[in-house]
Amino acid sequence: MNSDLSKFLEILETTDRYEALRFVLELKERKSLSVIEVFDLLTYSLNNMQQSEDENIDIWREHVRTSIIRTIVENLYPFVITERNSLNTPKGKTVAVICPPEEYHDLGARMVDDALTIYGYNSIFVGGNTPLRVFEAGLEYEAIDYVAISISNPYHLFSTRRIIESLRNTFPDIKIIIGGSAISKLGDELGTLKADFVSNSLEDLRDLEGAIL
C-alpha cells in the first residue's frame, strides 16, 4: 500500500468529509492523476474496509464511507468534462447506466457513468433501484445504443438475468454491458446472464464497439 492510499484510508476512518475531499483534490493536482486513477483509489477504499465483530457497526461505517466517497465523486465532475474534452473522441453512441430493482448501491454505477463520459459516450445515469417497466419506458423515450447494468449485491443476479431476457425480446438491437462486484460470484456461470460484454474495470469501457466485436 502506497503512502497516499494509506493516508487517505486514515482520513476516512475519522469520517472527516471535508478533509477527505481536500486530500483527494490536492492529490489529483499534485500527482496529475486522471479521474479514472482517482476512481481506482476510491473503489479500493470502499472494497477494503476492515471488519469488526459487530455487523451493525460495519454497515454503519460502510454507509458513512460511501456518503463521503459520493461527495468526492460529485466534486470531480468538472474534471470529468475537462478530460472528455481533452480526449476529444466522441463515439456518437448513447449508454444508459442502471442498477437492478432493489439495488441501492449505485455509487459504482455513477463512476461508470463518468468513465463513459470521459471516453466520449453520451451517458445517461438512471441510477439505483430501477423497475424494469420504468426502464423499458425510458428506452422507448430515448434512443439508446447500450445498456450498462451495475450489480453489487449477488442476490440481484437473478433479477438481472430477467432484465436482460426482457430487453433482448423488446429491444433486440441494444447491446448489454454488465459489471459490478457481484459478477465475480458467478464464476463459470457468468455466461448464463447472456450479456454482450462484461466489464471488470472502468478502463474496459474505453472502446465498447471494439470490445463487443
Protein backbone atom coordinates (compact mmCIF):
# COMPACT_ATOMS: atom_id res chain seq x y z
CA MET A 1 0.00 0.00 0.00
CA ASN A 2 1.49 3.36 -1.01
CA SER A 3 1.67 6.27 1.41
CA ASP A 4 -1.06 8.31 -0.33
CA LEU A 5 -3.56 5.48 -0.13
CA SER A 6 -2.61 4.76 3.46
CA LYS A 7 -3.12 8.43 4.39
CA PHE A 8 -6.47 8.56 2.62
CA LEU A 9 -7.71 5.49 4.49
CA GLU A 10 -6.64 7.12 7.75
CA ILE A 11 -8.67 10.20 6.90
CA LEU A 12 -11.73 8.11 6.02
CA GLU A 13 -11.56 6.46 9.45
CA THR A 14 -12.02 9.93 11.01
CA THR A 15 -15.20 10.45 8.88
CA ASP A 16 -13.98 13.97 8.08
CA ARG A 17 -15.75 14.62 4.78
CA TYR A 18 -14.06 17.93 4.06
CA GLU A 19 -10.55 16.64 4.78
CA ALA A 20 -11.14 13.56 2.61
CA LEU A 21 -12.30 15.75 -0.29
CA ARG A 22 -9.45 18.22 0.17
CA PHE A 23 -6.88 15.41 0.24
CA VAL A 24 -8.15 13.77 -2.96
CA LEU A 25 -8.36 17.03 -4.90
CA GLU A 26 -4.88 18.03 -3.77
CA LEU A 27 -3.56 14.56 -4.62
CA LYS A 28 -5.08 14.74 -8.11
CA GLU A 29 -3.44 18.08 -8.80
CA ARG A 30 -0.09 17.23 -7.21
CA LYS A 31 0.36 13.90 -8.97
CA SER A 32 -1.61 14.72 -12.13
CA LEU A 33 -3.84 11.70 -11.64
CA SER A 34 -6.59 11.03 -14.14
CA VAL A 35 -10.18 10.78 -12.92
CA ILE A 36 -10.09 7.04 -13.60
CA GLU A 37 -6.97 6.68 -11.42
CA VAL A 38 -8.73 8.58 -8.64
CA PHE A 39 -11.77 6.32 -9.03
CA ASP A 40 -9.49 3.28 -8.64
CA LEU A 41 -8.31 4.76 -5.33
CA LEU A 42 -11.88 5.39 -4.19
CA THR A 43 -13.01 1.91 -5.21
CA TYR A 44 -10.18 0.32 -3.25
CA SER A 45 -11.16 2.30 -0.18
CA LEU A 46 -14.75 1.06 -0.47
CA ASN A 47 -13.86 -2.59 -1.04
CA ASN A 48 -11.22 -2.92 1.66
CA MET A 49 -12.87 -1.80 4.87
CA GLN A 50 -11.69 -3.61 7.98
CA GLN A 51 -14.50 -5.57 9.57
CA SER A 52 -15.29 -5.61 13.27
CA GLU A 53 -17.23 -8.14 15.32
CA ASP A 54 -20.40 -6.01 15.12
CA GLU A 55 -22.25 -6.31 11.80
CA ASN A 56 -24.45 -3.30 12.52
CA ILE A 57 -21.46 -1.07 13.17
CA ASP A 58 -19.80 -2.33 10.00
CA ILE A 59 -22.90 -1.43 7.96
CA TRP A 60 -22.97 1.98 9.63
CA ARG A 61 -19.32 2.60 8.73
CA GLU A 62 -19.89 1.41 5.17
CA HIS A 63 -22.78 3.84 4.70
CA VAL A 64 -20.80 6.75 6.13
CA ARG A 65 -17.79 5.99 3.95
CA THR A 66 -19.97 5.61 0.86
CA SER A 67 -21.50 9.01 1.57
CA ILE A 68 -18.05 10.61 1.78
CA ILE A 69 -16.89 8.91 -1.43
CA ARG A 70 -20.06 10.07 -3.20
CA THR A 71 -19.25 13.68 -2.27
CA ILE A 72 -15.78 13.27 -3.75
CA VAL A 73 -17.13 11.73 -6.97
CA GLU A 74 -19.63 14.55 -7.42
CA ASN A 75 -16.92 17.17 -6.93
CA LEU A 76 -14.77 15.52 -9.60
CA TYR A 77 -17.35 16.10 -12.34
CA PRO A 78 -15.69 19.28 -13.71
CA PHE A 79 -12.53 17.18 -14.18
CA VAL A 80 -14.64 14.57 -16.00
CA ILE A 81 -15.72 17.18 -18.55
CA THR A 82 -12.19 18.54 -18.89
CA GLU A 83 -10.79 15.08 -19.61
CA ARG A 84 -13.59 14.30 -22.06
CA ASN A 85 -12.83 17.49 -23.97
CA SER A 86 -9.11 16.78 -23.85
CA LEU A 87 -9.50 13.29 -25.30
CA ASN A 88 -11.96 14.59 -27.91
CA THR A 89 -13.02 11.12 -29.04
CA PRO A 90 -16.82 11.36 -29.40
CA LYS A 91 -18.30 7.94 -30.03
CA GLY A 92 -21.72 9.08 -31.23
CA LYS A 93 -23.31 6.40 -29.04
CA THR A 94 -25.63 6.66 -26.04
CA VAL A 95 -25.37 4.44 -22.96
CA ALA A 96 -27.97 4.15 -20.20
CA VAL A 97 -26.48 3.16 -16.82
CA ILE A 98 -28.82 1.41 -14.38
CA CYS A 99 -28.96 -0.86 -11.35
CA PRO A 100 -31.48 -3.71 -10.94
CA PRO A 101 -34.65 -3.24 -8.85
CA GLU A 102 -33.87 -3.05 -5.11
CA GLU A 103 -30.17 -2.46 -5.82
CA TYR A 104 -29.46 0.75 -3.91
CA HIS A 105 -25.66 0.62 -4.16
CA ASP A 106 -25.33 2.87 -7.19
CA LEU A 107 -22.02 4.60 -6.48
CA GLY A 108 -20.15 2.20 -8.75
CA ALA A 109 -22.70 2.88 -11.47
CA ARG A 110 -22.08 6.62 -11.04
CA MET A 111 -18.34 6.08 -11.61
CA VAL A 112 -19.21 4.04 -14.72
CA ASP A 113 -21.31 6.94 -15.97
CA ASP A 114 -18.42 9.37 -15.52
CA ALA A 115 -15.93 6.98 -17.15
CA LEU A 116 -18.19 6.57 -20.18
CA THR A 117 -18.49 10.35 -20.41
CA ILE A 118 -14.70 10.72 -20.39
CA TYR A 119 -14.40 8.12 -23.14
CA GLY A 120 -16.76 10.08 -25.40
CA TYR A 121 -20.10 8.38 -24.92
CA ASN A 122 -23.36 10.19 -24.23
CA SER A 123 -24.01 8.55 -20.87
CA ILE A 124 -27.38 8.72 -19.12
CA PHE A 125 -27.19 7.89 -15.42
CA VAL A 126 -30.51 6.36 -14.36
CA GLY A 127 -29.17 5.05 -11.05
CA GLY A 128 -30.27 2.59 -8.42
CA ASN A 129 -33.46 0.61 -7.90
CA THR A 130 -34.79 0.98 -11.43
CA PRO A 131 -38.03 -1.00 -12.00
CA LEU A 132 -37.97 -2.83 -15.33
CA ARG A 133 -41.23 -1.26 -16.53
CA VAL A 134 -39.84 2.24 -15.89
CA PHE A 135 -36.56 1.46 -17.60
CA GLU A 136 -38.25 -0.03 -20.66
CA ALA A 137 -40.42 3.09 -20.90
CA GLY A 138 -37.25 5.16 -20.86
CA LEU A 139 -35.77 3.08 -23.68
CA GLU A 140 -38.88 3.82 -25.73
CA TYR A 141 -38.44 7.52 -24.97
CA GLU A 142 -34.68 7.80 -25.59
CA ALA A 143 -32.54 6.49 -28.46
CA ILE A 144 -30.19 4.11 -26.61
CA ASP A 145 -27.33 2.06 -28.10
CA TYR A 146 -26.03 0.36 -24.94
CA VAL A 147 -27.38 -0.55 -21.52
CA ALA A 148 -24.85 -0.85 -18.70
CA ILE A 149 -26.12 -2.76 -15.65
CA SER A 150 -24.18 -2.43 -12.39
CA ILE A 151 -24.77 -5.23 -9.85
CA SER A 152 -23.24 -5.02 -6.38
CA ASN A 153 -25.45 -7.44 -4.47
CA PRO A 154 -25.28 -11.12 -5.61
CA TYR A 155 -28.94 -11.51 -4.66
CA HIS A 156 -29.82 -9.34 -7.64
CA LEU A 157 -28.17 -11.54 -10.25
CA PHE A 158 -31.44 -13.41 -10.85
CA SER A 159 -33.39 -10.20 -11.47
CA THR A 160 -30.58 -9.03 -13.75
CA ARG A 161 -30.99 -12.19 -15.82
CA ARG A 162 -34.71 -11.44 -16.16
CA ILE A 163 -33.99 -7.84 -17.16
CA ILE A 164 -31.59 -8.96 -19.88
CA GLU A 165 -34.08 -11.53 -21.21
CA SER A 166 -36.79 -8.87 -21.38
CA LEU A 167 -34.52 -6.37 -23.10
CA ARG A 168 -33.49 -9.00 -25.65
CA ASN A 169 -37.14 -9.55 -26.56
CA THR A 170 -38.23 -5.92 -26.65
CA PHE A 171 -35.06 -4.11 -27.79
CA PRO A 172 -33.02 -6.68 -29.75
CA ASP A 173 -30.63 -4.08 -31.22
CA ILE A 174 -29.46 -2.71 -27.87
CA LYS A 175 -26.15 -4.11 -26.60
CA ILE A 176 -25.92 -5.03 -22.93
CA ILE A 177 -22.93 -4.50 -20.63
CA ILE A 178 -22.70 -5.87 -17.09
CA GLY A 179 -20.29 -5.08 -14.28
CA GLY A 180 -20.03 -4.73 -10.53
CA SER A 181 -18.67 -6.71 -7.62
CA ALA A 182 -21.50 -9.29 -7.79
CA ILE A 183 -20.49 -10.72 -11.16
CA SER A 184 -17.36 -12.28 -9.67
CA LYS A 185 -19.65 -14.58 -7.66
CA LEU A 186 -20.89 -16.30 -10.83
CA GLY A 187 -17.56 -17.79 -11.90
CA ASP A 188 -18.05 -20.17 -14.80
CA GLU A 189 -21.79 -19.39 -14.85
CA LEU A 190 -21.21 -15.78 -15.89
CA GLY A 191 -22.29 -16.64 -19.42
CA THR A 192 -25.79 -17.50 -18.18
CA LEU A 193 -26.55 -13.77 -17.95
CA LYS A 194 -26.09 -13.58 -21.74
CA ALA A 195 -24.65 -10.07 -21.77
CA ASP A 196 -22.75 -8.76 -24.78
CA PHE A 197 -19.82 -7.53 -22.69
CA VAL A 198 -18.54 -7.97 -19.13
CA SER A 199 -16.65 -5.01 -17.68
CA ASN A 200 -14.14 -5.84 -14.96
CA SER A 201 -12.72 -2.32 -14.69
CA LEU A 202 -13.53 1.22 -15.76
CA GLU A 203 -10.72 1.03 -18.31
CA ASP A 204 -12.64 -1.76 -20.08
CA LEU A 205 -15.28 0.80 -21.09
CA ARG A 206 -12.92 2.82 -23.28
CA ASP A 207 -13.98 1.15 -26.54
CA LEU A 208 -17.29 -0.72 -26.32
CA GLU A 209 -17.56 -1.22 -30.06
CA GLY A 210 -14.21 -2.95 -30.32
CA ALA A 211 -14.75 -4.96 -27.14
CA ILE A 212 -18.13 -6.32 -28.22
CA LEU A 213 -16.94 -7.13 -31.74
